[in-house]
């Protein structure tokens, strides 16, 4: 079986770096979340999430980001959040 974390690190992360830079330069809001591994005993699910939502950003995107990042809708805006959960 292939390792989704290795695939993300080797193939997706370099592309995401370019996408993030393009979005920042052009003021494009983005929310991308990758589910890499289901939780095992003593470990949580593994996600890699990138979110660029300014304080005055789109409410739907901001709400979706809060659900993904924090598990529920939060009414505090943020500029950028990046969550990387890695076993080990």
C-alpha atoms as a PDB file:
ATOM      1  CA  UNK A   1       0.000   0.000   0.000  1.00  0.00           C
ATOM      2  CA  UNK A   2       1.224   3.492  -0.791  1.00  0.00           C
ATOM      3  CA  UNK A   3       1.883   6.107   1.879  1.00  0.00           C
ATOM      4  CA  UNK A   4      -0.403   9.104   1.363  1.00  0.00           C
ATOM      5  CA  UNK A   5       1.828  11.308   3.540  1.00  0.00           C
ATOM      6  CA  UNK A   6       4.812  10.610   1.271  1.00  0.00           C
ATOM      7  CA  UNK A   7       2.697  11.359  -1.793  1.00  0.00           C
ATOM      8  CA  UNK A   8       1.521  14.629  -0.234  1.00  0.00           C
ATOM      9  CA  UNK A   9       5.045  15.634   0.796  1.00  0.00           C
ATOM     10  CA  UNK A  10       6.627  14.720  -2.532  1.00  0.00           C
ATOM     11  CA  UNK A  11       3.981  15.669  -5.084  1.00  0.00           C
ATOM     12  CA  UNK A  12       1.269  17.877  -3.599  1.00  0.00           C
ATOM     13  CA  UNK A  13       3.177  20.115  -1.144  1.00  0.00           C
ATOM     14  CA  UNK A  14       5.431  21.619  -3.846  1.00  0.00           C
ATOM     15  CA  UNK A  15       2.345  22.458  -5.919  1.00  0.00           C
ATOM     16  CA  UNK A  16       0.548  23.875  -2.876  1.00  0.00           C
ATOM     17  CA  UNK A  17       3.509  26.167  -2.189  1.00  0.00           C
ATOM     18  CA  UNK A  18       3.134  27.608  -5.684  1.00  0.00           C
ATOM     19  CA  UNK A  19      -0.661  27.862  -5.351  1.00  0.00           C
ATOM     20  CA  UNK A  20      -0.363  29.624  -1.976  1.00  0.00           C
ATOM     21  CA  UNK A  21       2.101  32.162  -3.380  1.00  0.00           C
ATOM     22  CA  UNK A  22      -0.131  32.871  -6.407  1.00  0.00           C
ATOM     23  CA  UNK A  23      -3.174  33.271  -4.146  1.00  0.00           C
ATOM     24  CA  UNK A  24      -1.330  35.643  -1.791  1.00  0.00           C
ATOM     25  CA  UNK A  25      -0.055  37.819  -4.649  1.00  0.00           C
ATOM     26  CA  UNK A  26      -3.488  38.014  -6.267  1.00  0.00           C
ATOM     27  CA  UNK A  27      -5.684  38.217  -3.169  1.00  0.00           C
ATOM     28  CA  UNK A  28      -7.423  34.893  -3.827  1.00  0.00           C
ATOM     29  CA  UNK A  29      -8.950  33.234  -0.794  1.00  0.00           C
ATOM     30  CA  UNK A  30      -8.249  29.526  -0.551  1.00  0.00           C
ATOM     31  CA  UNK A  31      -9.187  26.591   1.633  1.00  0.00           C
ATOM     32  CA  UNK A  32      -7.629  23.204   0.912  1.00  0.00           C
ATOM     33  CA  UNK A  33      -7.672  20.233   3.238  1.00  0.00           C
ATOM     34  CA  UNK A  34      -6.109  16.868   2.531  1.00  0.00           C
ATOM     35  CA  UNK A  35      -7.040  13.776   4.541  1.00  0.00           C
ATOM     36  CA  UNK A  36      -3.954  11.592   4.671  1.00  0.00           C
ATOM     37  CA  UNK A  37      -4.536   8.946   7.299  1.00  0.00           C
ATOM     38  CA  UNK A  38      -7.268   7.618   9.566  1.00  0.00           C
ATOM     39  CA  UNK A  39      -6.592   7.642  13.265  1.00  0.00           C
ATOM     40  CA  UNK A  40      -5.075   4.646  14.928  1.00  0.00           C
ATOM     41  CA  UNK A  41      -4.845   3.846  18.608  1.00  0.00           C
ATOM     42  CA  UNK A  42      -3.167   6.785  20.342  1.00  0.00           C
ATOM     43  CA  UNK A  43      -3.072   8.881  17.150  1.00  0.00           C
ATOM     44  CA  UNK A  44      -5.480  11.364  15.575  1.00  0.00           C
ATOM     45  CA  UNK A  45      -6.564  11.531  11.930  1.00  0.00           C
ATOM     46  CA  UNK A  46      -3.879  13.122   9.775  1.00  0.00           C
ATOM     47  CA  UNK A  47      -4.812  16.182   7.713  1.00  0.00           C
ATOM     48  CA  UNK A  48      -2.856  18.903   5.991  1.00  0.00           C
ATOM     49  CA  UNK A  49      -4.951  22.064   5.721  1.00  0.00           C
ATOM     50  CA  UNK A  50      -4.131  25.417   4.191  1.00  0.00           C
ATOM     51  CA  UNK A  51      -6.411  28.387   4.650  1.00  0.00           C
ATOM     52  CA  UNK A  52      -5.979  31.951   3.444  1.00  0.00           C
ATOM     53  CA  UNK A  53      -9.036  33.912   4.526  1.00  0.00           C
ATOM     54  CA  UNK A  54      -8.676  37.598   5.453  1.00  0.00           C
ATOM     55  CA  UNK A  55     -10.669  39.183   8.290  1.00  0.00           C
ATOM     56  CA  UNK A  56     -13.160  40.577   5.793  1.00  0.00           C
ATOM     57  CA  UNK A  57     -13.130  37.304   3.824  1.00  0.00           C
ATOM     58  CA  UNK A  58     -15.997  35.281   2.490  1.00  0.00           C
ATOM     59  CA  UNK A  59     -18.212  34.152   5.381  1.00  0.00           C
ATOM     60  CA  UNK A  60     -18.967  30.710   3.904  1.00  0.00           C
ATOM     61  CA  UNK A  61     -15.287  30.012   3.344  1.00  0.00           C
ATOM     62  CA  UNK A  62     -14.425  31.263   6.816  1.00  0.00           C
ATOM     63  CA  UNK A  63     -17.126  29.072   8.388  1.00  0.00           C
ATOM     64  CA  UNK A  64     -15.958  26.029   6.423  1.00  0.00           C
ATOM     65  CA  UNK A  65     -12.371  26.662   7.532  1.00  0.00           C
ATOM     66  CA  UNK A  66     -13.425  26.886  11.162  1.00  0.00           C
ATOM     67  CA  UNK A  67     -15.266  23.577  10.922  1.00  0.00           C
ATOM     68  CA  UNK A  68     -12.255  21.889   9.309  1.00  0.00           C
ATOM     69  CA  UNK A  69      -9.647  23.446  11.604  1.00  0.00           C
ATOM     70  CA  UNK A  70     -11.503  23.547  14.908  1.00  0.00           C
ATOM     71  CA  UNK A  71     -14.390  21.106  14.528  1.00  0.00           C
ATOM     72  CA  UNK A  72     -17.069  23.784  14.808  1.00  0.00           C
ATOM     73  CA  UNK A  73     -17.999  27.225  13.557  1.00  0.00           C
ATOM     74  CA  UNK A  74     -16.033  29.961  15.310  1.00  0.00           C
ATOM     75  CA  UNK A  75     -16.895  33.604  14.927  1.00  0.00           C
ATOM     76  CA  UNK A  76     -13.335  34.886  15.129  1.00  0.00           C
ATOM     77  CA  UNK A  77     -11.828  35.646  11.724  1.00  0.00           C
ATOM     78  CA  UNK A  78      -8.227  34.853  10.908  1.00  0.00           C
ATOM     79  CA  UNK A  79      -5.790  35.651   8.134  1.00  0.00           C
ATOM     80  CA  UNK A  80      -4.021  32.345   7.697  1.00  0.00           C
ATOM     81  CA  UNK A  81      -3.992  29.025   9.428  1.00  0.00           C
ATOM     82  CA  UNK A  82      -2.001  25.997   8.470  1.00  0.00           C
ATOM     83  CA  UNK A  83      -2.442  22.735  10.322  1.00  0.00           C
ATOM     84  CA  UNK A  84      -0.111  19.821   9.781  1.00  0.00           C
ATOM     85  CA  UNK A  85      -0.569  16.788  11.976  1.00  0.00           C
ATOM     86  CA  UNK A  86       2.176  14.207  11.705  1.00  0.00           C
ATOM     87  CA  UNK A  87       2.626  10.951  13.563  1.00  0.00           C
ATOM     88  CA  UNK A  88       5.811  10.345  15.467  1.00  0.00           C
END
